[in-house]
């Protein structure tokens, strides 16, 4: 059974930093992309950042220049370094792994979510 284990959330003051981690029990050969999404209370889930197996990154405009997504050396771990945090970054953050399951077929696995609260 595939497991995605997230860690690193918590309470931080505005302007502070947090680093989220997500480790997956997946064959790195099948992973084609990893990402982070977030959902704030009363709002829809939104994309925060993604990184492909080739290392190409993509960020939501709201986090560009403040957040950095990266992969671990083992390629089945993804990180999100969050700097200059703002109260509007408060949300539950979910990691996501996209894997190839066959020719033209894929599946996405989700982490359990970790709460990030930015407040003074």
PDB file of N, CA and C in Angstrom:
ATOM      1  N   UNK A   1       0.841  -1.180   0.000  1.00  0.00           N
ATOM      2  CA  UNK A   1       0.000   0.000   0.000  1.00  0.00           C
ATOM      3  C   UNK A   1       0.885   1.242   0.000  1.00  0.00           C
ATOM      4  N   UNK A   2       0.572   2.168  -0.890  1.00  0.00           N
ATOM      5  CA  UNK A   2       1.367   3.386  -1.000  1.00  0.00           C
ATOM      6  C   UNK A   2       1.067   4.313   0.168  1.00  0.00           C
ATOM      7  N   UNK A   3       2.121   4.871   0.725  1.00  0.00           N
ATOM      8  CA  UNK A   3       1.962   5.832   1.808  1.00  0.00           C
ATOM      9  C   UNK A   3       2.741   7.100   1.492  1.00  0.00           C
ATOM     10  N   UNK A   4       2.119   8.242   1.738  1.00  0.00           N
ATOM     11  CA  UNK A   4       2.779   9.534   1.660  1.00  0.00           C
ATOM     12  C   UNK A   4       2.732  10.133   3.056  1.00  0.00           C
ATOM     13  N   UNK A   5       3.886  10.383   3.613  1.00  0.00           N
ATOM     14  CA  UNK A   5       3.964  10.881   4.988  1.00  0.00           C
ATOM     15  C   UNK A   5       4.498  12.299   4.969  1.00  0.00           C
ATOM     16  N   UNK A   6       3.658  13.213   5.446  1.00  0.00           N
ATOM     17  CA  UNK A   6       4.022  14.621   5.491  1.00  0.00           C
ATOM     18  C   UNK A   6       4.484  15.017   6.897  1.00  0.00           C
ATOM     19  N   UNK A   7       5.334  16.039   6.933  1.00  0.00           N
ATOM     20  CA  UNK A   7       5.749  16.588   8.216  1.00  0.00           C
ATOM     21  C   UNK A   7       6.195  18.031   8.012  1.00  0.00           C
ATOM     22  N   UNK A   8       6.293  18.759   9.122  1.00  0.00           N
ATOM     23  CA  UNK A   8       6.864  20.097   9.064  1.00  0.00           C
ATOM     24  C   UNK A   8       5.898  21.239   9.262  1.00  0.00           C
ATOM     25  N   UNK A   9       4.613  20.970   9.345  1.00  0.00           N
ATOM     26  CA  UNK A   9       3.677  22.057   9.559  1.00  0.00           C
ATOM     27  C   UNK A   9       3.756  22.593  10.974  1.00  0.00           C
ATOM     28  N   UNK A  10       3.012  23.663  11.230  1.00  0.00           N
ATOM     29  CA  UNK A  10       2.988  24.226  12.567  1.00  0.00           C
ATOM     30  C   UNK A  10       2.531  25.657  12.581  1.00  0.00           C
ATOM     31  N   UNK A  11       2.773  26.298  13.710  1.00  0.00           N
ATOM     32  CA  UNK A  11       2.405  27.698  13.914  1.00  0.00           C
ATOM     33  C   UNK A  11       3.652  28.565  13.795  1.00  0.00           C
ATOM     34  N   UNK A  12       3.545  29.619  13.002  1.00  0.00           N
ATOM     35  CA  UNK A  12       4.685  30.506  12.800  1.00  0.00           C
ATOM     36  C   UNK A  12       4.175  31.935  12.718  1.00  0.00           C
ATOM     37  N   UNK A  13       4.998  32.872  13.126  1.00  0.00           N
ATOM     38  CA  UNK A  13       4.624  34.287  13.053  1.00  0.00           C
ATOM     39  C   UNK A  13       4.786  34.804  11.621  1.00  0.00           C
ATOM     40  N   UNK A  14       4.060  35.833  11.270  1.00  0.00           N
ATOM     41  CA  UNK A  14       4.247  36.445   9.945  1.00  0.00           C
ATOM     42  C   UNK A  14       5.708  36.815   9.724  1.00  0.00           C
ATOM     43  N   UNK A  15       6.184  36.514   8.511  1.00  0.00           N
ATOM     44  CA  UNK A  15       7.583  36.759   8.197  1.00  0.00           C
ATOM     45  C   UNK A  15       8.488  35.573   8.485  1.00  0.00           C
ATOM     46  N   UNK A  16       7.957  34.579   9.164  1.00  0.00           N
ATOM     47  CA  UNK A  16       8.746  33.418   9.516  1.00  0.00           C
ATOM     48  C   UNK A  16       8.843  32.403   8.395  1.00  0.00           C
ATOM     49  N   UNK A  17       9.484  31.274   8.715  1.00  0.00           N
ATOM     50  CA  UNK A  17       9.725  30.224   7.722  1.00  0.00           C
ATOM     51  C   UNK A  17       9.328  28.866   8.269  1.00  0.00           C
ATOM     52  N   UNK A  18       8.948  27.989   7.346  1.00  0.00           N
ATOM     53  CA  UNK A  18       8.687  26.592   7.650  1.00  0.00           C
ATOM     54  C   UNK A  18       9.157  25.753   6.460  1.00  0.00           C
ATOM     55  N   UNK A  19       9.488  24.503   6.737  1.00  0.00           N
ATOM     56  CA  UNK A  19       9.856  23.581   5.670  1.00  0.00           C
ATOM     57  C   UNK A  19       8.997  22.331   5.791  1.00  0.00           C
ATOM     58  N   UNK A  20       8.239  22.065   4.750  1.00  0.00           N
ATOM     59  CA  UNK A  20       7.410  20.872   4.707  1.00  0.00           C
ATOM     60  C   UNK A  20       8.150  19.753   3.974  1.00  0.00           C
ATOM     61  N   UNK A  21       7.926  18.532   4.437  1.00  0.00           N
ATOM     62  CA  UNK A  21       8.515  17.355   3.800  1.00  0.00           C
ATOM     63  C   UNK A  21       7.423  16.336   3.509  1.00  0.00           C
ATOM     64  N   UNK A  22       7.624  15.579   2.461  1.00  0.00           N
ATOM     65  CA  UNK A  22       6.691  14.507   2.127  1.00  0.00           C
ATOM     66  C   UNK A  22       7.489  13.359   1.533  1.00  0.00           C
ATOM     67  N   UNK A  23       7.430  12.204   2.173  1.00  0.00           N
ATOM     68  CA  UNK A  23       8.132  11.022   1.701  1.00  0.00           C
ATOM     69  C   UNK A  23       7.123   9.981   1.248  1.00  0.00           C
ATOM     70  N   UNK A  24       7.369   9.391   0.091  1.00  0.00           N
ATOM     71  CA  UNK A  24       6.433   8.433  -0.488  1.00  0.00           C
ATOM     72  C   UNK A  24       7.068   7.056  -0.604  1.00  0.00           C
ATOM     73  N   UNK A  25       6.264   6.035  -0.315  1.00  0.00           N
ATOM     74  CA  UNK A  25       6.719   4.656  -0.488  1.00  0.00           C
ATOM     75  C   UNK A  25       6.394   4.216  -1.911  1.00  0.00           C
ATOM     76  N   UNK A  26       7.058   4.872  -2.863  1.00  0.00           N
ATOM     77  CA  UNK A  26       6.794   4.642  -4.277  1.00  0.00           C
ATOM     78  C   UNK A  26       8.085   4.368  -5.018  1.00  0.00           C
ATOM     79  N   UNK A  27       7.969   3.607  -6.084  1.00  0.00           N
ATOM     80  CA  UNK A  27       9.123   3.424  -6.954  1.00  0.00           C
ATOM     81  C   UNK A  27       9.424   4.737  -7.657  1.00  0.00           C
ATOM     82  N   UNK A  28      10.636   5.215  -7.518  1.00  0.00           N
ATOM     83  CA  UNK A  28      10.971   6.506  -8.115  1.00  0.00           C
ATOM     84  C   UNK A  28      10.895   6.450  -9.638  1.00  0.00           C
ATOM     85  N   UNK A  29      10.997   5.254 -10.178  1.00  0.00           N
ATOM     86  CA  UNK A  29      10.966   5.104 -11.631  1.00  0.00           C
ATOM     87  C   UNK A  29       9.640   5.565 -12.208  1.00  0.00           C
ATOM     88  N   UNK A  30       8.558   5.380 -11.444  1.00  0.00           N
ATOM     89  CA  UNK A  30       7.220   5.686 -11.970  1.00  0.00           C
ATOM     90  C   UNK A  30       6.766   7.113 -11.696  1.00  0.00           C
ATOM     91  N   UNK A  31       7.488   7.856 -10.854  1.00  0.00           N
ATOM     92  CA  UNK A  31       7.056   9.206 -10.488  1.00  0.00           C
ATOM     93  C   UNK A  31       7.387  10.180 -11.619  1.00  0.00           C
ATOM     94  N   UNK A  32       6.390  10.925 -12.097  1.00  0.00           N
ATOM     95  CA  UNK A  32       6.675  11.887 -13.147  1.00  0.00           C
ATOM     96  C   UNK A  32       6.519  13.332 -12.657  1.00  0.00           C
ATOM     97  N   UNK A  33       5.879  13.526 -11.530  1.00  0.00           N
ATOM     98  CA  UNK A  33       5.747  14.880 -10.984  1.00  0.00           C
ATOM     99  C   UNK A  33       5.351  14.807  -9.523  1.00  0.00           C
ATOM    100  N   UNK A  34       5.737  15.850  -8.796  1.00  0.00           N
ATOM    101  CA  UNK A  34       5.355  15.979  -7.390  1.00  0.00           C
ATOM    102  C   UNK A  34       4.895  17.403  -7.160  1.00  0.00           C
ATOM    103  N   UNK A  35       4.058  17.586  -6.166  1.00  0.00           N
ATOM    104  CA  UNK A  35       3.574  18.934  -5.934  1.00  0.00           C
ATOM    105  C   UNK A  35       3.024  19.140  -4.545  1.00  0.00           C
ATOM    106  N   UNK A  36       2.728  20.392  -4.275  1.00  0.00           N
ATOM    107  CA  UNK A  36       2.085  20.792  -3.032  1.00  0.00           C
ATOM    108  C   UNK A  36       0.832  21.593  -3.368  1.00  0.00           C
ATOM    109  N   UNK A  37      -0.224  21.300  -2.648  1.00  0.00           N
ATOM    110  CA  UNK A  37      -1.490  22.000  -2.773  1.00  0.00           C
ATOM    111  C   UNK A  37      -1.902  22.450  -1.376  1.00  0.00           C
ATOM    112  N   UNK A  38      -2.813  23.410  -1.314  1.00  0.00           N
ATOM    113  CA  UNK A  38      -3.286  23.853  -0.001  1.00  0.00           C
ATOM    114  C   UNK A  38      -4.766  24.191  -0.054  1.00  0.00           C
ATOM    115  N   UNK A  39      -5.396  24.074   1.099  1.00  0.00           N
ATOM    116  CA  UNK A  39      -6.799  24.422   1.211  1.00  0.00           C
ATOM    117  C   UNK A  39      -7.021  25.191   2.495  1.00  0.00           C
ATOM    118  N   UNK A  40      -7.461  26.431   2.336  1.00  0.00           N
ATOM    119  CA  UNK A  40      -7.785  27.266   3.479  1.00  0.00           C
ATOM    120  C   UNK A  40      -9.264  27.090   3.822  1.00  0.00           C
ATOM    121  N   UNK A  41      -9.649  27.384   5.047  1.00  0.00           N
ATOM    122  CA  UNK A  41     -11.059  27.229   5.446  1.00  0.00           C
ATOM    123  C   UNK A  41     -11.980  28.016   4.537  1.00  0.00           C
ATOM    124  N   UNK A  42     -12.999  27.360   4.030  1.00  0.00           N
ATOM    125  CA  UNK A  42     -13.981  28.026   3.188  1.00  0.00           C
ATOM    126  C   UNK A  42     -13.534  28.289   1.773  1.00  0.00           C
ATOM    127  N   UNK A  43     -12.352  27.789   1.404  1.00  0.00           N
ATOM    128  CA  UNK A  43     -11.829  28.033   0.054  1.00  0.00           C
ATOM    129  C   UNK A  43     -11.551  26.717  -0.655  1.00  0.00           C
ATOM    130  N   UNK A  44     -11.434  26.822  -1.981  1.00  0.00           N
ATOM    131  CA  UNK A  44     -11.109  25.639  -2.757  1.00  0.00           C
ATOM    132  C   UNK A  44      -9.641  25.294  -2.627  1.00  0.00           C
ATOM    133  N   UNK A  45      -9.340  24.032  -2.877  1.00  0.00           N
ATOM    134  CA  UNK A  45      -7.961  23.582  -2.890  1.00  0.00           C
ATOM    135  C   UNK A  45      -7.242  24.252  -4.059  1.00  0.00           C
ATOM    136  N   UNK A  46      -6.031  24.722  -3.822  1.00  0.00           N
ATOM    137  CA  UNK A  46      -5.288  25.391  -4.883  1.00  0.00           C
ATOM    138  C   UNK A  46      -3.867  24.853  -4.976  1.00  0.00           C
ATOM    139  N   UNK A  47      -3.334  24.913  -6.186  1.00  0.00           N
ATOM    140  CA  UNK A  47      -1.962  24.498  -6.419  1.00  0.00           C
ATOM    141  C   UNK A  47      -1.009  25.513  -5.823  1.00  0.00           C
ATOM    142  N   UNK A  48       0.028  25.015  -5.151  1.00  0.00           N
ATOM    143  CA  UNK A  48       1.059  25.886  -4.591  1.00  0.00           C
ATOM    144  C   UNK A  48       2.317  25.821  -5.466  1.00  0.00           C
ATOM    145  N   UNK A  49       2.796  24.600  -5.707  1.00  0.00           N
ATOM    146  CA  UNK A  49       4.019  24.427  -6.486  1.00  0.00           C
ATOM    147  C   UNK A  49       4.107  22.996  -6.976  1.00  0.00           C
ATOM    148  N   UNK A  50       4.748  22.817  -8.128  1.00  0.00           N
ATOM    149  CA  UNK A  50       4.986  21.480  -8.656  1.00  0.00           C
ATOM    150  C   UNK A  50       6.426  21.374  -9.160  1.00  0.00           C
ATOM    151  N   UNK A  51       6.904  20.137  -9.235  1.00  0.00           N
ATOM    152  CA  UNK A  51       8.220  19.863  -9.796  1.00  0.00           C
ATOM    153  C   UNK A  51       8.125  18.554 -10.559  1.00  0.00           C
ATOM    154  N   UNK A  52       8.655  18.551 -11.781  1.00  0.00           N
ATOM    155  CA  UNK A  52       8.605  17.344 -12.596  1.00  0.00           C
ATOM    156  C   UNK A  52       9.827  16.462 -12.336  1.00  0.00           C
ATOM    157  N   UNK A  53       9.783  15.263 -12.894  1.00  0.00           N
ATOM    158  CA  UNK A  53      10.918  14.359 -12.736  1.00  0.00           C
ATOM    159  C   UNK A  53      12.172  14.934 -13.385  1.00  0.00           C
ATOM    160  N   UNK A  54      11.972  15.847 -14.340  1.00  0.00           N
ATOM    161  CA  UNK A  54      13.116  16.495 -14.975  1.00  0.00           C
ATOM    162  C   UNK A  54      13.603  17.730 -14.244  1.00  0.00           C
ATOM    163  N   UNK A  55      12.895  18.102 -13.166  1.00  0.00           N
ATOM    164  CA  UNK A  55      13.328  19.235 -12.357  1.00  0.00           C
ATOM    165  C   UNK A  55      12.664  20.560 -12.686  1.00  0.00           C
ATOM    166  N   UNK A  56      11.724  20.563 -13.613  1.00  0.00           N
ATOM    167  CA  UNK A  56      11.025  21.802 -13.943  1.00  0.00           C
ATOM    168  C   UNK A  56      10.036  22.156 -12.843  1.00  0.00           C
ATOM    169  N   UNK A  57      10.083  23.402 -12.402  1.00  0.00           N
ATOM    170  CA  UNK A  57       9.213  23.839 -11.315  1.00  0.00           C
ATOM    171  C   UNK A  57       8.165  24.835 -11.803  1.00  0.00           C
ATOM    172  N   UNK A  58       7.084  24.886 -11.049  1.00  0.00           N
ATOM    173  CA  UNK A  58       5.996  25.813 -11.340  1.00  0.00           C
ATOM    174  C   UNK A  58       5.410  26.275 -10.018  1.00  0.00           C
ATOM    175  N   UNK A  59       5.082  27.577  -9.922  1.00  0.00           N
ATOM    176  CA  UNK A  59       4.591  28.141  -8.676  1.00  0.00           C
ATOM    177  C   UNK A  59       3.325  28.960  -8.900  1.00  0.00           C
ATOM    178  N   UNK A  60       2.482  28.960  -7.903  1.00  0.00           N
ATOM    179  CA  UNK A  60       1.363  29.894  -7.915  1.00  0.00           C
ATOM    180  C   UNK A  60       1.920  31.301  -7.786  1.00  0.00           C
ATOM    181  N   UNK A  61       1.269  32.261  -8.425  1.00  0.00           N
ATOM    182  CA  UNK A  61       1.763  33.641  -8.371  1.00  0.00           C
ATOM    183  C   UNK A  61       1.878  34.158  -6.936  1.00  0.00           C
ATOM    184  N   UNK A  62       0.987  33.705  -6.090  1.00  0.00           N
ATOM    185  CA  UNK A  62       0.947  34.197  -4.723  1.00  0.00           C
ATOM    186  C   UNK A  62       2.146  33.764  -3.883  1.00  0.00           C
ATOM    187  N   UNK A  63       2.887  32.760  -4.337  1.00  0.00           N
ATOM    188  CA  UNK A  63       4.020  32.276  -3.543  1.00  0.00           C
ATOM    189  C   UNK A  63       5.361  32.442  -4.244  1.00  0.00           C
ATOM    190  N   UNK A  64       5.348  32.906  -5.470  1.00  0.00           N
ATOM    191  CA  UNK A  64       6.602  33.081  -6.220  1.00  0.00           C
ATOM    192  C   UNK A  64       7.547  34.006  -5.472  1.00  0.00           C
ATOM    193  N   UNK A  65       8.799  33.577  -5.395  1.00  0.00           N
ATOM    194  CA  UNK A  65       9.796  34.377  -4.709  1.00  0.00           C
ATOM    195  C   UNK A  65       9.860  34.142  -3.213  1.00  0.00           C
ATOM    196  N   UNK A  66       8.865  33.430  -2.684  1.00  0.00           N
ATOM    197  CA  UNK A  66       8.853  33.153  -1.236  1.00  0.00           C
ATOM    198  C   UNK A  66       8.964  31.655  -0.941  1.00  0.00           C
ATOM    199  N   UNK A  67       8.395  30.822  -1.790  1.00  0.00           N
ATOM    200  CA  UNK A  67       8.406  29.379  -1.585  1.00  0.00           C
ATOM    201  C   UNK A  67       9.327  28.723  -2.610  1.00  0.00           C
ATOM    202  N   UNK A  68       9.943  27.614  -2.193  1.00  0.00           N
ATOM    203  CA  UNK A  68      10.789  26.836  -3.091  1.00  0.00           C
ATOM    204  C   UNK A  68      10.465  25.359  -2.944  1.00  0.00           C
ATOM    205  N   UNK A  69      10.156  24.713  -4.070  1.00  0.00           N
ATOM    206  CA  UNK A  69       9.906  23.272  -4.064  1.00  0.00           C
ATOM    207  C   UNK A  69      11.179  22.569  -4.519  1.00  0.00           C
ATOM    208  N   UNK A  70      11.469  21.428  -3.912  1.00  0.00           N
ATOM    209  CA  UNK A  70      12.658  20.679  -4.293  1.00  0.00           C
ATOM    210  C   UNK A  70      12.438  19.202  -4.032  1.00  0.00           C
ATOM    211  N   UNK A  71      13.326  18.393  -4.604  1.00  0.00           N
ATOM    212  CA  UNK A  71      13.254  16.948  -4.394  1.00  0.00           C
ATOM    213  C   UNK A  71      14.448  16.477  -3.577  1.00  0.00           C
ATOM    214  N   UNK A  72      14.243  15.383  -2.861  1.00  0.00           N
ATOM    215  CA  UNK A  72      15.344  14.783  -2.157  1.00  0.00           C
ATOM    216  C   UNK A  72      16.214  13.986  -3.100  1.00  0.00           C
ATOM    217  N   UNK A  73      17.391  13.611  -2.647  1.00  0.00           N
ATOM    218  CA  UNK A  73      18.309  12.839  -3.480  1.00  0.00           C
ATOM    219  C   UNK A  73      17.713  11.501  -3.904  1.00  0.00           C
ATOM    220  N   UNK A  74      16.880  10.935  -3.057  1.00  0.00           N
ATOM    221  CA  UNK A  74      16.258   9.656  -3.365  1.00  0.00           C
ATOM    222  C   UNK A  74      15.108   9.791  -4.347  1.00  0.00           C
ATOM    223  N   UNK A  75      14.715  11.000  -4.684  1.00  0.00           N
ATOM    224  CA  UNK A  75      13.691  11.323  -5.678  1.00  0.00           C
ATOM    225  C   UNK A  75      12.292  10.869  -5.287  1.00  0.00           C
ATOM    226  N   UNK A  76      12.106  10.281  -4.100  1.00  0.00           N
ATOM    227  CA  UNK A  76      10.750   9.963  -3.659  1.00  0.00           C
ATOM    228  C   UNK A  76      10.354  10.817  -2.457  1.00  0.00           C
ATOM    229  N   UNK A  77      11.066  11.924  -2.300  1.00  0.00           N
ATOM    230  CA  UNK A  77      10.771  12.885  -1.249  1.00  0.00           C
ATOM    231  C   UNK A  77      10.688  14.266  -1.880  1.00  0.00           C
ATOM    232  N   UNK A  78       9.708  15.040  -1.432  1.00  0.00           N
ATOM    233  CA  UNK A  78       9.564  16.403  -1.931  1.00  0.00           C
ATOM    234  C   UNK A  78       9.488  17.354  -0.746  1.00  0.00           C
ATOM    235  N   UNK A  79      10.059  18.529  -0.921  1.00  0.00           N
ATOM    236  CA  UNK A  79      10.100  19.532   0.130  1.00  0.00           C
ATOM    237  C   UNK A  79       9.445  20.817  -0.364  1.00  0.00           C
ATOM    238  N   UNK A  80       8.978  21.593   0.597  1.00  0.00           N
ATOM    239  CA  UNK A  80       8.499  22.936   0.296  1.00  0.00           C
ATOM    240  C   UNK A  80       9.073  23.872   1.353  1.00  0.00           C
ATOM    241  N   UNK A  81      10.026  24.682   0.942  1.00  0.00           N
ATOM    242  CA  UNK A  81      10.596  25.687   1.824  1.00  0.00           C
ATOM    243  C   UNK A  81       9.752  26.942   1.694  1.00  0.00           C
ATOM    244  N   UNK A  82       9.198  27.380   2.808  1.00  0.00           N
ATOM    245  CA  UNK A  82       8.306  28.533   2.809  1.00  0.00           C
ATOM    246  C   UNK A  82       8.920  29.648   3.640  1.00  0.00           C
ATOM    247  N   UNK A  83       9.232  30.754   2.998  1.00  0.00           N
ATOM    248  CA  UNK A  83       9.814  31.914   3.658  1.00  0.00           C
ATOM    249  C   UNK A  83       8.855  33.091   3.573  1.00  0.00           C
ATOM    250  N   UNK A  84       9.121  34.086   4.395  1.00  0.00           N
ATOM    251  CA  UNK A  84       8.301  35.307   4.405  1.00  0.00           C
ATOM    252  C   UNK A  84       6.811  34.974   4.455  1.00  0.00           C
ATOM    253  N   UNK A  85       6.462  34.098   5.361  1.00  0.00           N
ATOM    254  CA  UNK A  85       5.082  33.625   5.436  1.00  0.00           C
ATOM    255  C   UNK A  85       4.123  34.747   5.828  1.00  0.00           C
ATOM    256  N   UNK A  86       2.925  34.673   5.262  1.00  0.00           N
ATOM    257  CA  UNK A  86       1.882  35.666   5.507  1.00  0.00           C
ATOM    258  C   UNK A  86       0.661  34.975   6.104  1.00  0.00           C
ATOM    259  N   UNK A  87      -0.174  35.699   6.800  1.00  0.00           N
ATOM    260  CA  UNK A  87      -1.391  35.090   7.356  1.00  0.00           C
ATOM    261  C   UNK A  87      -2.236  34.398   6.284  1.00  0.00           C
ATOM    262  N   UNK A  88      -2.228  34.915   5.077  1.00  0.00           N
ATOM    263  CA  UNK A  88      -3.022  34.302   4.008  1.00  0.00           C
ATOM    264  C   UNK A  88      -2.435  32.975   3.517  1.00  0.00           C
ATOM    265  N   UNK A  89      -1.271  32.611   3.997  1.00  0.00           N
ATOM    266  CA  UNK A  89      -0.712  31.295   3.685  1.00  0.00           C
ATOM    267  C   UNK A  89      -1.270  30.211   4.604  1.00  0.00           C
ATOM    268  N   UNK A  90      -2.033  30.613   5.591  1.00  0.00           N
ATOM    269  CA  UNK A  90      -2.626  29.653   6.518  1.00  0.00           C
ATOM    270  C   UNK A  90      -3.553  28.705   5.776  1.00  0.00           C
ATOM    271  N   UNK A  91      -3.293  27.407   5.918  1.00  0.00           N
ATOM    272  CA  UNK A  91      -4.070  26.392   5.210  1.00  0.00           C
ATOM    273  C   UNK A  91      -3.572  25.014   5.612  1.00  0.00           C
ATOM    274  N   UNK A  92      -4.307  24.001   5.173  1.00  0.00           N
ATOM    275  CA  UNK A  92      -3.799  22.639   5.245  1.00  0.00           C
ATOM    276  C   UNK A  92      -3.067  22.376   3.937  1.00  0.00           C
ATOM    277  N   UNK A  93      -1.843  21.933   4.035  1.00  0.00           N
ATOM    278  CA  UNK A  93      -1.008  21.686   2.874  1.00  0.00           C
ATOM    279  C   UNK A  93      -0.944  20.179   2.595  1.00  0.00           C
ATOM    280  N   UNK A  94      -1.138  19.824   1.328  1.00  0.00           N
ATOM    281  CA  UNK A  94      -1.140  18.431   0.905  1.00  0.00           C
ATOM    282  C   UNK A  94      -0.058  18.206  -0.155  1.00  0.00           C
ATOM    283  N   UNK A  95       0.690  17.132  -0.008  1.00  0.00           N
ATOM    284  CA  UNK A  95       1.620  16.775  -1.079  1.00  0.00           C
ATOM    285  C   UNK A  95       0.917  15.824  -2.042  1.00  0.00           C
ATOM    286  N   UNK A  96       1.424  15.797  -3.252  1.00  0.00           N
ATOM    287  CA  UNK A  96       0.818  15.005  -4.316  1.00  0.00           C
ATOM    288  C   UNK A  96       1.917  14.420  -5.178  1.00  0.00           C
ATOM    289  N   UNK A  97       1.799  13.135  -5.475  1.00  0.00           N
ATOM    290  CA  UNK A  97       2.743  12.465  -6.364  1.00  0.00           C
ATOM    291  C   UNK A  97       1.981  11.912  -7.561  1.00  0.00           C
ATOM    292  N   UNK A  98       2.432  12.257  -8.755  1.00  0.00           N
ATOM    293  CA  UNK A  98       1.849  11.704  -9.959  1.00  0.00           C
ATOM    294  C   UNK A  98       2.736  10.579 -10.468  1.00  0.00           C
ATOM    295  N   UNK A  99       2.130   9.418 -10.710  1.00  0.00           N
ATOM    296  CA  UNK A  99       2.903   8.270 -11.170  1.00  0.00           C
ATOM    297  C   UNK A  99       2.309   7.703 -12.444  1.00  0.00           C
ATOM    298  N   UNK A 100       3.153   7.162 -13.278  1.00  0.00           N
ATOM    299  CA  UNK A 100       2.714   6.485 -14.489  1.00  0.00           C
ATOM    300  C   UNK A 100       2.335   5.058 -14.117  1.00  0.00           C
ATOM    301  N   UNK A 101       1.164   4.635 -14.559  1.00  0.00           N
ATOM    302  CA  UNK A 101       0.692   3.289 -14.257  1.00  0.00           C
ATOM    303  C   UNK A 101       0.655   2.406 -15.495  1.00  0.00           C
ATOM    304  N   UNK A 102       0.919   2.989 -16.638  1.00  0.00           N
ATOM    305  CA  UNK A 102       0.907   2.262 -17.890  1.00  0.00           C
ATOM    306  C   UNK A 102       0.986   3.240 -19.037  1.00  0.00           C
ATOM    307  N   UNK A 103       0.999   2.747 -20.263  1.00  0.00           N
ATOM    308  CA  UNK A 103       1.069   3.642 -21.427  1.00  0.00           C
ATOM    309  C   UNK A 103      -0.097   4.633 -21.423  1.00  0.00           C
ATOM    310  N   UNK A 104       0.216   5.921 -21.265  1.00  0.00           N
ATOM    311  CA  UNK A 104      -0.810   6.942 -21.271  1.00  0.00           C
ATOM    312  C   UNK A 104      -1.699   6.987 -20.054  1.00  0.00           C
ATOM    313  N   UNK A 105      -1.346   6.239 -19.017  1.00  0.00           N
ATOM    314  CA  UNK A 105      -2.180   6.194 -17.812  1.00  0.00           C
ATOM    315  C   UNK A 105      -1.390   6.661 -16.600  1.00  0.00           C
ATOM    316  N   UNK A 106      -2.051   7.363 -15.721  1.00  0.00           N
ATOM    317  CA  UNK A 106      -1.386   7.871 -14.521  1.00  0.00           C
ATOM    318  C   UNK A 106      -2.347   7.862 -13.342  1.00  0.00           C
ATOM    319  N   UNK A 107      -1.770   8.056 -12.175  1.00  0.00           N
ATOM    320  CA  UNK A 107      -2.559   8.101 -10.947  1.00  0.00           C
ATOM    321  C   UNK A 107      -1.887   9.078 -10.007  1.00  0.00           C
ATOM    322  N   UNK A 108      -2.696   9.748  -9.172  1.00  0.00           N
ATOM    323  CA  UNK A 108      -2.159  10.709  -8.227  1.00  0.00           C
ATOM    324  C   UNK A 108      -2.410  10.246  -6.799  1.00  0.00           C
ATOM    325  N   UNK A 109      -1.365  10.277  -6.016  1.00  0.00           N
ATOM    326  CA  UNK A 109      -1.461   9.948  -4.593  1.00  0.00           C
ATOM    327  C   UNK A 109      -1.353  11.229  -3.774  1.00  0.00           C
ATOM    328  N   UNK A 110      -2.088  11.237  -2.657  1.00  0.00           N
ATOM    329  CA  UNK A 110      -2.133  12.425  -1.803  1.00  0.00           C
ATOM    330  C   UNK A 110      -1.646  12.113  -0.397  1.00  0.00           C
ATOM    331  N   UNK A 111      -0.966  13.093   0.193  1.00  0.00           N
ATOM    332  CA  UNK A 111      -0.593  12.978   1.587  1.00  0.00           C
ATOM    333  C   UNK A 111      -1.785  13.273   2.487  1.00  0.00           C
ATOM    334  N   UNK A 112      -1.582  13.098   3.794  1.00  0.00           N
ATOM    335  CA  UNK A 112      -2.675  13.250   4.746  1.00  0.00           C
ATOM    336  C   UNK A 112      -2.962  14.711   5.087  1.00  0.00           C
ATOM    337  N   UNK A 113      -2.058  15.588   4.715  1.00  0.00           N
ATOM    338  CA  UNK A 113      -2.244  17.004   5.005  1.00  0.00           C
ATOM    339  C   UNK A 113      -1.537  17.420   6.276  1.00  0.00           C
ATOM    340  N   UNK A 114      -0.984  18.614   6.260  1.00  0.00           N
ATOM    341  CA  UNK A 114      -0.345  19.170   7.448  1.00  0.00           C
ATOM    342  C   UNK A 114      -0.762  20.626   7.584  1.00  0.00           C
ATOM    343  N   UNK A 115      -1.116  21.014   8.792  1.00  0.00           N
ATOM    344  CA  UNK A 115      -1.634  22.361   9.029  1.00  0.00           C
ATOM    345  C   UNK A 115      -0.492  23.358   9.148  1.00  0.00           C
ATOM    346  N   UNK A 116      -0.631  24.452   8.420  1.00  0.00           N
ATOM    347  CA  UNK A 116       0.279  25.580   8.535  1.00  0.00           C
ATOM    348  C   UNK A 116      -0.551  26.783   8.968  1.00  0.00           C
ATOM    349  N   UNK A 117      -0.174  27.367  10.088  1.00  0.00           N
ATOM    350  CA  UNK A 117      -0.883  28.532  10.604  1.00  0.00           C
ATOM    351  C   UNK A 117       0.103  29.673  10.774  1.00  0.00           C
ATOM    352  N   UNK A 118      -0.208  30.790  10.138  1.00  0.00           N
ATOM    353  CA  UNK A 118       0.646  31.976  10.218  1.00  0.00           C
ATOM    354  C   UNK A 118      -0.118  33.044  10.986  1.00  0.00           C
ATOM    355  N   UNK A 119       0.354  33.304  12.187  1.00  0.00           N
ATOM    356  CA  UNK A 119      -0.383  34.234  13.051  1.00  0.00           C
ATOM    357  C   UNK A 119       0.547  34.796  14.110  1.00  0.00           C
ATOM    358  N   UNK A 120       0.282  36.029  14.501  1.00  0.00           N
ATOM    359  CA  UNK A 120       1.053  36.639  15.585  1.00  0.00           C
ATOM    360  C   UNK A 120       0.344  36.426  16.924  1.00  0.00           C
TER     361      UNK A 120
END
